[in-house]
Amino acid sequence: MIFLVEEDPEGGFNARALGESIYTEADTLEELKKQVRNALECHFDDQSKMPSIIRLHIVRDEVYAYA
C-alpha cells in the first residue's frame, strides 16, 4: 500500500493512502510510521487483509528564487 506523505505548512506531516480512505498525521516521520501502522490496524478489521508492505512516498516542495 502506498501513502502520500506531505509536510504540513503548520508543522509535522500528513499521510493519506492512495485508493483507500485512510489518513493520519504526526509531528515527525518516525512518529508518522507508527501512526500509519495504527491507522491500517483500525481500517482492516481482519489482520490477514492488512498489507505486508507499506510504501511512504514523501513529497517535499522546495521554493527558491531564480534570478
C-alpha atoms as a PDB file:
ATOM      1  CA  MET A   1       0.000   0.000   0.000  1.00  0.00           C
ATOM      2  CA  ILE A   2       1.258   3.474  -0.864  1.00  0.00           C
ATOM      3  CA  PHE A   3       0.847   6.509   1.369  1.00  0.00           C
ATOM      4  CA  LEU A   4       1.408  10.010   0.018  1.00  0.00           C
ATOM      5  CA  VAL A   5       3.272  11.963   2.719  1.00  0.00           C
ATOM      6  CA  GLU A   6       3.403  15.747   2.673  1.00  0.00           C
ATOM      7  CA  GLU A   7       4.826  18.295   5.078  1.00  0.00           C
ATOM      8  CA  ASP A   8       2.084  20.254   6.818  1.00  0.00           C
ATOM      9  CA  PRO A   9       2.510  24.036   6.494  1.00  0.00           C
ATOM     10  CA  GLU A  10       1.785  24.319  10.229  1.00  0.00           C
ATOM     11  CA  GLY A  11       4.399  21.689  11.090  1.00  0.00           C
ATOM     12  CA  GLY A  12       4.574  17.918  11.044  1.00  0.00           C
ATOM     13  CA  PHE A  13       3.472  15.531   8.317  1.00  0.00           C
ATOM     14  CA  ASN A  14       0.225  14.273   6.773  1.00  0.00           C
ATOM     15  CA  ALA A  15      -0.178  10.857   5.163  1.00  0.00           C
ATOM     16  CA  ARG A  16      -3.042   9.506   3.058  1.00  0.00           C
ATOM     17  CA  ALA A  17      -3.389   6.124   1.457  1.00  0.00           C
ATOM     18  CA  LEU A  18      -3.838   6.006  -2.291  1.00  0.00           C
ATOM     19  CA  GLY A  19      -7.027   4.145  -3.161  1.00  0.00           C
ATOM     20  CA  GLU A  20      -8.281   3.856   0.435  1.00  0.00           C
ATOM     21  CA  SER A  21      -9.926   6.216   2.916  1.00  0.00           C
ATOM     22  CA  ILE A  22      -7.033   6.204   5.359  1.00  0.00           C
ATOM     23  CA  TYR A  23      -5.489   9.423   6.674  1.00  0.00           C
ATOM     24  CA  THR A  24      -3.173  10.204   9.578  1.00  0.00           C
ATOM     25  CA  GLU A  25      -0.733  12.851  10.775  1.00  0.00           C
ATOM     26  CA  ALA A  26       2.222  13.214  13.138  1.00  0.00           C
ATOM     27  CA  ASP A  27       4.933  15.647  14.208  1.00  0.00           C
ATOM     28  CA  THR A  28       7.910  13.573  12.966  1.00  0.00           C
ATOM     29  CA  LEU A  29       8.488  10.962  10.279  1.00  0.00           C
ATOM     30  CA  GLU A  30       9.272   8.303  12.893  1.00  0.00           C
ATOM     31  CA  GLU A  31       6.009   9.024  14.691  1.00  0.00           C
ATOM     32  CA  LEU A  32       4.179   9.046  11.339  1.00  0.00           C
ATOM     33  CA  LYS A  33       5.328   5.477  10.614  1.00  0.00           C
ATOM     34  CA  LYS A  34       3.735   4.353  13.881  1.00  0.00           C
ATOM     35  CA  GLN A  35       0.575   6.309  13.122  1.00  0.00           C
ATOM     36  CA  VAL A  36       0.306   4.765   9.635  1.00  0.00           C
ATOM     37  CA  ARG A  37       0.511   1.284  11.117  1.00  0.00           C
ATOM     38  CA  ASN A  38      -2.091   2.185  13.734  1.00  0.00           C
ATOM     39  CA  ALA A  39      -4.407   3.606  11.040  1.00  0.00           C
ATOM     40  CA  LEU A  40      -4.044   0.410   8.994  1.00  0.00           C
ATOM     41  CA  GLU A  41      -4.861  -1.752  12.013  1.00  0.00           C
ATOM     42  CA  CYS A  42      -8.014   0.323  12.609  1.00  0.00           C
ATOM     43  CA  HIS A  43      -9.018   0.238   8.917  1.00  0.00           C
ATOM     44  CA  PHE A  44      -8.557  -3.504   8.360  1.00  0.00           C
ATOM     45  CA  ASP A  45     -10.608  -5.491  10.868  1.00  0.00           C
ATOM     46  CA  ASP A  46      -9.100  -8.715   9.551  1.00  0.00           C
ATOM     47  CA  GLN A  47      -5.313  -8.640  10.100  1.00  0.00           C
ATOM     48  CA  SER A  48      -4.825 -11.116   7.236  1.00  0.00           C
ATOM     49  CA  LYS A  49      -6.085  -8.434   4.802  1.00  0.00           C
ATOM     50  CA  MET A  50      -3.656  -5.815   6.077  1.00  0.00           C
ATOM     51  CA  PRO A  51      -0.865  -5.106   3.557  1.00  0.00           C
ATOM     52  CA  SER A  52       2.526  -6.571   4.416  1.00  0.00           C
ATOM     53  CA  ILE A  53       4.456  -3.788   2.650  1.00  0.00           C
ATOM     54  CA  ILE A  54       3.835  -0.090   3.218  1.00  0.00           C
ATOM     55  CA  ARG A  55       5.460   2.491   0.973  1.00  0.00           C
ATOM     56  CA  LEU A  56       5.709   6.115   2.095  1.00  0.00           C
ATOM     57  CA  HIS A  57       6.001   8.422  -0.901  1.00  0.00           C
ATOM     58  CA  ILE A  58       7.376  11.608   0.656  1.00  0.00           C
ATOM     59  CA  VAL A  59       6.700  14.793  -1.324  1.00  0.00           C
ATOM     60  CA  ARG A  60       8.631  17.910  -0.403  1.00  0.00           C
ATOM     61  CA  ASP A  61       8.078  21.286  -2.022  1.00  0.00           C
ATOM     62  CA  GLU A  62      11.113  23.472  -2.472  1.00  0.00           C
ATOM     63  CA  VAL A  63      10.761  27.102  -3.390  1.00  0.00           C
ATOM     64  CA  TYR A  64      13.689  29.206  -4.494  1.00  0.00           C
ATOM     65  CA  ALA A  65      14.215  32.463  -6.369  1.00  0.00           C
ATOM     66  CA  TYR A  66      15.570  32.302  -9.865  1.00  0.00           C
ATOM     67  CA  ALA A  67      17.384  35.476 -10.761  1.00  0.00           C
END
